[in-house]
Amino acid sequence: MAKEENEIILLKVSGQDKPGVTAGLTHVLAQYDAQVLDIGQADIHDTLSLGILFSVKSGSSSAPILKELLFKAYELEINIKFTPVTLEDYENWVSSQGKHRYIITILGEEMAAEQIAAVTSVLSDLNLNIDAIKRLTGRTSLVKKNEYPRACIQLSVRGEVKNKSELTAKFMSISRELDVDLSFQEDNIYRRNRRLVCFDMDSTLIQTEVIDELAELAGVGEQVKAITESAMQGEIDFSESFKKRMALLEGLSEDVLQEVAKNLPITKGAKRLMKALKYYGFKTAILSGGFTYFGHYLQKELGIDYVHANQLEIKDGALTGKYIGEIVDGNKKAEFLKEIAAKEGINISQTIAVGDGANDLPMLNLAGLGIAFHAKPKVKESAESSISSLGLDGVLYLLGYHDKYIDLMEDIE
């Protein structure tokens, strides 16, 4: 007796979304002992797009099942279409699943078709296939004004990236020209299990450079600002610039430090981010070339686990213009990142670093995910991910969190 062969059929479903569609169709498939090889669904504005790839014994089973599915579709008031799939095409599809996978995140205040077209054109040129597209931000009203507009979509991409630097450079060019933020990550087990997030402090967690504020109060503002900017741009060595700036602060009263700490301008989205990270079990750290005096204040304010920064030397209620211990420069930040990860039993690939200046590059390059946040041009060009259009909570979208999961927490500010 000849062996009965199987037919492979792709069922495409569209129409108004409603409860019972998937249940009704799969019930028909079950009656004919069909094997579901793949299934996927998307819902846009209550319009359903459902695909079911199934196999069924040819001949006696295939004709009746198609007829039953048509009847069920009519009953459910949906549209269906059948596409036969050859065994060769199916096996080629199966073999492609071993290819590398990546996550591309596109985010900004708004999402324009031009931005999506630019990104997807790059992917197409590199023969990278988009397997799935997912919106991570909530629905936007066209009538009510949103005080904090944000839009984010996540692309799941499959294929071979032969030159990662070239791809990153193209994305950064799109980011500059079209005012959109882009992130490129390998879709591996580490990306789905990030556990530690390390932040620069000045111009990242807070919207100021504290040493510049102290300098203004000490009457040496312009001198210190010039040195700070040169260091952040990578024009002079951080340690050298730090010593020069510290010397200019000699004699500043300790009372001034307390007043500055109370009025630190915390970056937009920072509190929302920290609450979410804590809620989902992340460890957090401040790794800063600034000062522990202000880092510890933020630690209490935001619930941060670790603080590593420079310690001011204070005598007789005033700054001496010197510091205690080693200078926390870029290399030291990277060392602290490794140290905390080891202490917490976290693989370095599960870590995230966020910063804006040249002295953040060592930790951004070391971490599993380095994010240039409202960064200097040199830093942004060197990072695979950047955020310039949104607040600090944009980090959550790079982790793949949807607004609905972020907002599960109570009393988010």
Protein backbone atom coordinates (compact mmCIF):
# COMPACT_ATOMS: atom_id res chain seq x y z
CA MET A 1 0.00 0.00 0.00
CA ALA A 2 1.40 3.38 -1.01
CA LYS A 3 2.33 5.74 1.80
CA GLU A 4 -0.02 8.72 2.07
CA GLU A 5 1.82 12.02 1.62
CA ASN A 6 1.21 15.26 3.46
CA GLU A 7 0.25 18.60 1.98
CA ILE A 8 1.62 21.81 3.48
CA ILE A 9 -0.74 24.77 3.39
CA LEU A 10 -0.39 28.37 4.56
CA LEU A 11 -3.69 29.77 5.83
CA LYS A 12 -3.84 33.59 5.76
CA VAL A 13 -6.63 35.23 7.75
CA SER A 14 -7.71 38.89 7.75
CA GLY A 15 -10.70 40.86 8.97
CA GLN A 16 -12.19 42.47 12.06
CA ASP A 17 -10.58 41.08 15.20
CA LYS A 18 -12.94 39.37 17.64
CA PRO A 19 -12.82 36.63 20.26
CA GLY A 20 -13.01 33.07 18.96
CA VAL A 21 -11.29 33.40 15.57
CA THR A 22 -8.20 31.34 16.42
CA ALA A 23 -10.27 28.87 18.45
CA GLY A 24 -12.74 28.32 15.62
CA LEU A 25 -10.11 27.76 12.92
CA THR A 26 -7.84 25.51 14.98
CA HIS A 27 -10.87 23.45 16.03
CA VAL A 28 -11.46 22.65 12.34
CA LEU A 29 -7.77 21.77 11.92
CA ALA A 30 -7.96 19.49 14.96
CA GLN A 31 -10.85 17.50 13.45
CA TYR A 32 -8.58 16.51 10.55
CA ASP A 33 -5.49 15.77 12.68
CA ALA A 34 -3.59 18.68 11.11
CA GLN A 35 -0.13 19.48 12.41
CA VAL A 36 0.52 23.19 13.04
CA LEU A 37 4.03 23.98 11.78
CA ASP A 38 3.95 27.71 12.53
CA ILE A 39 1.47 30.31 13.72
CA GLY A 40 1.62 34.08 14.13
CA GLN A 41 -0.79 36.96 14.66
CA ALA A 42 -0.78 40.75 14.53
CA ASP A 43 -3.56 43.18 15.42
CA ILE A 44 -3.53 46.76 14.10
CA HIS A 45 -6.48 49.03 14.91
CA ASP A 46 -8.69 45.98 15.64
CA THR A 47 -7.85 44.53 12.22
CA LEU A 48 -6.59 40.96 12.43
CA SER A 49 -3.77 39.42 10.42
CA LEU A 50 -3.31 35.75 11.31
CA GLY A 51 -1.17 33.13 9.62
CA ILE A 52 -1.24 29.37 10.25
CA LEU A 53 1.13 27.03 8.44
CA PHE A 54 -0.15 23.47 8.73
CA SER A 55 0.26 20.03 7.19
CA VAL A 56 -2.49 17.50 6.56
CA LYS A 57 -2.72 14.17 4.79
CA SER A 58 -3.32 14.75 1.08
CA GLY A 59 -6.31 13.45 -0.78
CA SER A 60 -9.01 12.31 1.63
CA SER A 61 -8.19 14.98 4.23
CA SER A 62 -6.99 18.06 2.33
CA ALA A 63 -10.10 18.81 0.26
CA PRO A 64 -12.65 18.54 3.12
CA ILE A 65 -10.51 20.63 5.51
CA LEU A 66 -10.34 23.53 3.07
CA LYS A 67 -14.10 23.38 2.61
CA GLU A 68 -14.67 23.35 6.39
CA LEU A 69 -12.31 26.28 6.87
CA LEU A 70 -14.21 28.31 4.26
CA PHE A 71 -17.51 27.62 6.05
CA LYS A 72 -15.98 28.62 9.39
CA ALA A 73 -14.57 31.82 7.88
CA TYR A 74 -18.00 32.76 6.55
CA GLU A 75 -19.50 32.09 9.98
CA LEU A 76 -16.84 34.26 11.67
CA GLU A 77 -17.14 36.99 9.02
CA ILE A 78 -13.45 36.93 8.18
CA ASN A 79 -11.45 36.52 4.98
CA ILE A 80 -9.16 33.56 4.39
CA LYS A 81 -6.73 32.59 1.67
CA PHE A 82 -4.89 29.29 1.07
CA THR A 83 -1.37 29.05 -0.32
CA PRO A 84 0.21 25.63 -1.01
CA VAL A 85 3.82 25.28 0.13
CA THR A 86 6.20 22.77 -1.42
CA LEU A 87 8.26 20.48 0.78
CA GLU A 88 11.44 22.00 -0.69
CA ASP A 89 10.35 25.55 0.20
CA TYR A 90 9.35 24.44 3.69
CA GLU A 91 12.71 22.75 4.32
CA ASN A 92 14.56 25.82 3.05
CA TRP A 93 12.54 27.92 5.51
CA VAL A 94 13.37 25.52 8.35
CA SER A 95 17.10 25.61 7.57
CA SER A 96 17.12 29.43 7.65
CA GLN A 97 16.23 29.52 11.34
CA GLY A 98 19.87 29.02 12.29
CA LYS A 99 20.84 32.43 10.90
CA HIS A 100 21.86 35.23 13.24
CA ARG A 101 19.07 37.31 14.69
CA TYR A 102 19.15 40.96 15.66
CA ILE A 103 16.90 43.52 17.31
CA ILE A 104 16.65 46.97 15.76
CA THR A 105 14.87 49.58 17.92
CA ILE A 106 13.63 52.82 16.38
CA LEU A 107 12.50 55.53 18.79
CA GLY A 108 11.69 59.22 18.84
CA GLU A 109 9.02 61.71 19.78
CA GLU A 110 7.07 60.73 16.65
CA MET A 111 7.41 57.94 14.11
CA ALA A 112 7.53 59.13 10.50
CA ALA A 113 7.30 56.87 7.48
CA GLU A 114 10.54 58.45 6.19
CA GLN A 115 12.42 57.22 9.27
CA ILE A 116 11.13 53.66 8.96
CA ALA A 117 11.79 53.65 5.22
CA ALA A 118 15.41 54.73 5.73
CA VAL A 119 16.11 52.03 8.32
CA THR A 120 14.37 49.22 6.44
CA SER A 121 16.11 50.20 3.19
CA VAL A 122 19.47 49.64 4.88
CA LEU A 123 18.28 46.23 6.07
CA SER A 124 17.04 45.34 2.60
CA ASP A 125 20.32 46.39 0.98
CA LEU A 126 22.16 44.05 3.37
CA ASN A 127 19.73 41.20 2.60
CA LEU A 128 18.44 41.15 6.18
CA ASN A 129 14.88 39.90 6.56
CA ILE A 130 12.40 41.43 9.01
CA ASP A 131 10.57 38.60 10.80
CA ALA A 132 8.45 40.70 13.13
CA ILE A 133 7.59 44.32 13.93
CA LYS A 134 6.32 45.28 17.37
CA ARG A 135 5.17 48.64 18.76
CA LEU A 136 6.49 49.25 22.29
CA THR A 137 4.81 52.58 23.05
CA GLY A 138 1.13 53.06 23.82
CA ARG A 139 -1.49 54.40 21.45
CA THR A 140 -1.30 58.11 20.61
CA SER A 141 -4.26 60.46 20.56
CA LEU A 142 -4.46 62.90 17.65
CA VAL A 143 -6.73 65.19 19.70
CA LYS A 144 -5.28 65.33 23.21
CA LYS A 145 -1.87 66.91 23.68
CA ASN A 146 0.79 64.54 25.01
CA GLU A 147 3.19 66.32 27.36
CA TYR A 148 5.79 63.60 26.85
CA PRO A 149 5.41 62.35 23.26
CA ARG A 150 7.30 59.18 22.42
CA ALA A 151 7.07 56.49 19.77
CA CYS A 152 9.01 53.26 19.49
CA ILE A 153 8.93 50.17 17.30
CA GLN A 154 11.10 47.07 17.53
CA LEU A 155 12.19 45.06 14.48
CA SER A 156 13.21 41.41 14.78
CA VAL A 157 15.70 40.80 11.96
CA ARG A 158 17.33 37.67 10.57
CA GLY A 159 20.42 37.26 8.37
CA GLU A 160 24.18 37.68 8.27
CA VAL A 161 25.81 41.01 9.18
CA LYS A 162 29.29 40.88 7.66
CA ASN A 163 30.37 44.38 8.71
CA LYS A 164 28.77 45.54 11.96
CA SER A 165 30.69 48.83 12.00
CA GLU A 166 29.40 49.72 8.54
CA LEU A 167 25.80 49.01 9.59
CA THR A 168 26.19 51.06 12.77
CA ALA A 169 27.66 53.97 10.78
CA LYS A 170 24.68 53.93 8.41
CA PHE A 171 22.26 53.93 11.32
CA MET A 172 24.06 56.83 12.99
CA SER A 173 23.87 58.78 9.74
CA ILE A 174 20.10 58.19 9.60
CA SER A 175 19.85 59.21 13.25
CA ARG A 176 21.53 62.57 12.57
CA GLU A 177 19.67 63.34 9.34
CA LEU A 178 16.16 62.28 10.39
CA ASP A 179 16.23 63.05 14.12
CA VAL A 180 15.53 59.48 15.23
CA ASP A 181 17.27 57.20 17.74
CA LEU A 182 18.42 53.73 16.70
CA SER A 183 19.68 50.72 18.57
CA PHE A 184 21.29 47.59 17.12
CA GLN A 185 21.59 44.48 19.30
CA GLU A 186 22.28 40.81 18.74
CA ASP A 187 19.19 38.84 19.72
CA ASN A 188 20.80 36.32 22.03
CA ILE A 189 20.16 34.92 25.50
CA TYR A 190 22.11 37.77 27.12
CA ARG A 191 19.97 40.48 25.52
CA ARG A 192 16.87 38.90 27.03
CA ASN A 193 18.48 38.66 30.47
CA ARG A 194 20.16 41.98 31.22
CA ARG A 195 20.71 42.31 34.98
CA LEU A 196 22.93 45.35 35.70
CA VAL A 197 22.65 48.96 34.49
CA CYS A 198 25.50 51.41 35.16
CA PHE A 199 25.03 55.16 34.69
CA ASP A 200 27.28 58.13 34.32
CA MET A 201 25.97 60.89 36.60
CA ASP A 202 26.64 64.38 35.22
CA SER A 203 24.66 65.12 32.02
CA THR A 204 23.17 61.63 32.20
CA LEU A 205 21.30 61.03 35.48
CA ILE A 206 21.27 64.77 36.08
CA GLN A 207 21.00 67.58 33.54
CA THR A 208 24.10 69.46 34.60
CA GLU A 209 27.82 69.13 35.21
CA VAL A 210 28.10 69.59 38.99
CA ILE A 211 31.70 70.71 38.87
CA ASP A 212 30.66 73.54 36.54
CA GLU A 213 27.96 74.64 39.00
CA LEU A 214 30.44 74.60 41.87
CA ALA A 215 32.86 76.60 39.75
CA GLU A 216 30.22 79.26 39.08
CA LEU A 217 29.62 79.61 42.81
CA ALA A 218 33.38 79.80 43.37
CA GLY A 219 33.74 82.54 40.73
CA VAL A 220 35.80 80.43 38.30
CA GLY A 221 32.94 79.23 36.09
CA GLU A 222 34.30 80.06 32.64
CA GLN A 223 37.70 78.54 33.33
CA VAL A 224 36.28 75.26 34.62
CA LYS A 225 33.61 74.99 31.90
CA ALA A 226 36.25 75.29 29.19
CA ILE A 227 38.30 72.48 30.78
CA THR A 228 35.19 70.29 31.28
CA GLU A 229 34.06 70.65 27.67
CA SER A 230 37.51 69.86 26.36
CA ALA A 231 37.62 66.70 28.49
CA MET A 232 34.12 65.53 27.45
CA GLN A 233 35.04 65.99 23.79
CA GLY A 234 38.11 63.83 24.36
CA GLU A 235 40.55 66.63 23.56
CA ILE A 236 42.49 66.38 26.84
CA ASP A 237 43.09 63.59 29.33
CA PHE A 238 40.32 63.33 31.93
CA SER A 239 42.67 62.92 34.91
CA GLU A 240 44.64 65.99 33.92
CA SER A 241 41.48 68.05 33.46
CA PHE A 242 40.11 66.81 36.78
CA LYS A 243 43.16 67.96 38.73
CA LYS A 244 43.08 71.38 37.06
CA ARG A 245 39.39 71.89 37.85
CA MET A 246 39.72 70.68 41.44
CA ALA A 247 42.52 73.13 42.15
CA LEU A 248 40.29 76.01 41.05
CA LEU A 249 37.64 75.03 43.66
CA GLU A 250 39.92 75.51 46.65
CA GLY A 251 38.22 77.40 49.48
CA LEU A 252 34.60 76.75 48.42
CA SER A 253 32.35 76.32 51.49
CA GLU A 254 30.89 72.88 52.26
CA ASP A 255 27.49 74.56 52.75
CA VAL A 256 27.42 75.22 49.02
CA LEU A 257 27.64 71.47 48.30
CA GLN A 258 24.51 70.75 50.30
CA GLU A 259 22.56 73.47 48.52
CA VAL A 260 23.63 72.20 45.09
CA ALA A 261 22.73 68.60 46.03
CA LYS A 262 19.19 69.59 47.06
CA ASN A 263 18.61 71.25 43.68
CA LEU A 264 20.12 68.69 41.33
CA PRO A 265 18.04 68.66 38.09
CA ILE A 266 17.23 64.96 37.68
CA THR A 267 16.96 63.97 34.03
CA LYS A 268 13.53 63.49 32.49
CA GLY A 269 12.42 59.88 32.70
CA ALA A 270 15.06 58.91 35.28
CA LYS A 271 12.60 58.22 38.10
CA ARG A 272 10.33 56.19 35.82
CA LEU A 273 13.32 54.17 34.63
CA MET A 274 14.69 53.49 38.11
CA LYS A 275 11.33 52.34 39.45
CA ALA A 276 10.92 49.99 36.52
CA LEU A 277 14.44 48.58 36.86
CA LYS A 278 13.94 47.98 40.57
CA TYR A 279 10.51 46.42 39.98
CA TYR A 280 11.97 43.97 37.46
CA GLY A 281 14.96 43.03 39.62
CA PHE A 282 17.86 44.91 37.99
CA LYS A 283 20.91 46.08 39.91
CA THR A 284 21.91 49.71 39.29
CA ALA A 285 25.08 51.73 39.74
CA ILE A 286 26.45 55.25 39.37
CA LEU A 287 29.94 55.21 37.87
CA SER A 288 30.98 58.83 37.70
CA GLY A 289 33.91 61.13 37.21
CA GLY A 290 31.92 63.50 39.45
CA PHE A 291 31.71 63.38 43.21
CA THR A 292 30.45 60.84 45.77
CA TYR A 293 28.85 63.70 47.74
CA PHE A 294 26.23 64.09 44.99
CA GLY A 295 26.21 60.45 43.96
CA HIS A 296 25.09 59.37 47.44
CA TYR A 297 22.34 61.99 47.36
CA LEU A 298 21.04 60.52 44.10
CA GLN A 299 21.45 57.02 45.49
CA LYS A 300 18.91 57.79 48.20
CA GLU A 301 16.63 59.72 45.85
CA LEU A 302 16.51 57.05 43.11
CA GLY A 303 17.18 53.82 45.03
CA ILE A 304 20.49 53.02 43.32
CA ASP A 305 22.54 50.05 44.55
CA TYR A 306 26.15 51.17 43.98
CA VAL A 307 28.01 54.48 43.76
CA HIS A 308 31.61 54.90 42.62
CA ALA A 309 32.87 58.45 42.08
CA ASN A 310 35.57 60.86 43.23
CA GLN A 311 35.73 61.88 46.87
CA LEU A 312 36.27 65.55 47.69
CA GLU A 313 38.75 66.49 50.38
CA ILE A 314 37.09 68.83 52.88
CA LYS A 315 38.91 70.51 55.78
CA ASP A 316 37.59 73.12 58.20
CA GLY A 317 34.28 73.25 56.29
CA ALA A 318 35.80 74.07 52.90
CA LEU A 319 37.20 72.30 49.83
CA THR A 320 40.97 72.00 49.75
CA GLY A 321 41.12 71.73 45.97
CA LYS A 322 42.28 68.11 46.34
CA TYR A 323 40.63 64.68 46.28
CA ILE A 324 40.87 61.45 48.29
CA GLY A 325 41.82 58.14 46.66
CA GLU A 326 42.16 57.32 42.96
CA ILE A 327 40.65 59.46 40.21
CA VAL A 328 37.61 57.77 38.65
CA ASP A 329 38.39 58.17 34.96
CA GLY A 330 37.09 56.20 31.97
CA ASN A 331 39.22 53.11 32.62
CA LYS A 332 38.28 53.11 36.28
CA LYS A 333 34.58 53.18 35.36
CA ALA A 334 35.08 50.06 33.23
CA GLU A 335 36.91 48.38 36.13
CA PHE A 336 34.04 49.15 38.50
CA LEU A 337 31.54 47.75 36.00
CA LYS A 338 33.46 44.45 35.88
CA GLU A 339 33.84 44.45 39.67
CA ILE A 340 30.11 44.91 40.35
CA ALA A 341 29.15 42.31 37.72
CA ALA A 342 31.51 39.78 39.30
CA LYS A 343 30.21 40.52 42.80
CA GLU A 344 26.59 40.04 41.66
CA GLY A 345 27.40 36.93 39.60
CA ILE A 346 26.37 38.65 36.37
CA ASN A 347 27.95 37.91 32.98
CA ILE A 348 29.47 41.03 31.43
CA SER A 349 27.22 40.49 28.39
CA GLN A 350 24.21 40.99 30.68
CA THR A 351 25.32 44.51 31.62
CA ILE A 352 24.28 47.92 30.29
CA ALA A 353 26.23 51.18 30.47
CA VAL A 354 24.75 54.62 29.84
CA GLY A 355 26.80 57.79 29.41
CA ASP A 356 27.43 60.93 27.39
CA GLY A 357 31.14 61.80 27.50
CA ALA A 358 34.41 60.51 26.12
CA ASN A 359 35.35 59.17 29.57
CA ASP A 360 32.31 56.87 29.35
CA LEU A 361 33.52 55.09 26.22
CA PRO A 362 35.51 52.35 28.03
CA MET A 363 32.44 51.20 29.97
CA LEU A 364 30.11 51.68 26.97
CA ASN A 365 32.38 49.46 24.87
CA LEU A 366 32.77 46.87 27.63
CA ALA A 367 29.10 46.44 28.52
CA GLY A 368 26.81 44.04 26.70
CA LEU A 369 24.81 47.12 25.67
CA GLY A 370 26.42 50.57 25.59
CA ILE A 371 24.01 53.48 25.22
CA ALA A 372 25.14 56.97 24.26
CA PHE A 373 22.64 59.25 26.02
CA HIS A 374 22.30 62.79 24.62
CA ALA A 375 25.97 62.27 23.95
CA LYS A 376 28.82 64.20 22.43
CA PRO A 377 29.32 63.47 18.68
CA LYS A 378 32.45 61.37 19.24
CA VAL A 379 30.64 59.17 21.76
CA LYS A 380 27.49 58.79 19.66
CA GLU A 381 29.50 57.72 16.62
CA SER A 382 31.26 55.02 18.64
CA ALA A 383 28.13 53.51 20.20
CA GLU A 384 25.84 50.86 18.69
CA SER A 385 22.87 52.42 20.50
CA SER A 386 21.96 56.01 21.27
CA ILE A 387 19.12 58.02 22.79
CA SER A 388 18.89 61.73 22.02
CA SER A 389 15.19 62.36 21.41
CA LEU A 390 13.67 60.91 24.59
CA GLY A 391 14.29 60.92 28.33
CA LEU A 392 16.28 58.36 30.26
CA ASP A 393 13.32 55.95 30.37
CA GLY A 394 13.98 55.36 26.67
CA VAL A 395 16.44 52.73 27.96
CA LEU A 396 13.42 50.54 28.78
CA TYR A 397 12.45 50.34 25.11
CA LEU A 398 15.94 49.14 24.22
CA LEU A 399 15.34 46.36 26.74
CA GLY A 400 12.17 45.44 24.87
CA TYR A 401 9.64 46.58 27.48
CA HIS A 402 6.24 47.75 26.28
CA ASP A 403 4.58 50.71 28.02
CA LYS A 404 1.88 48.41 29.38
CA TYR A 405 4.50 46.42 31.33
CA ILE A 406 6.29 49.54 32.54
CA ASP A 407 3.04 51.05 33.78
CA LEU A 408 2.16 47.98 35.84
CA MET A 409 3.99 49.68 38.69
CA GLU A 410 2.07 51.98 40.96
CA ASP A 411 2.74 55.69 41.38
CA ILE A 412 5.19 56.06 38.48
CA GLU A 413 6.12 59.70 38.06
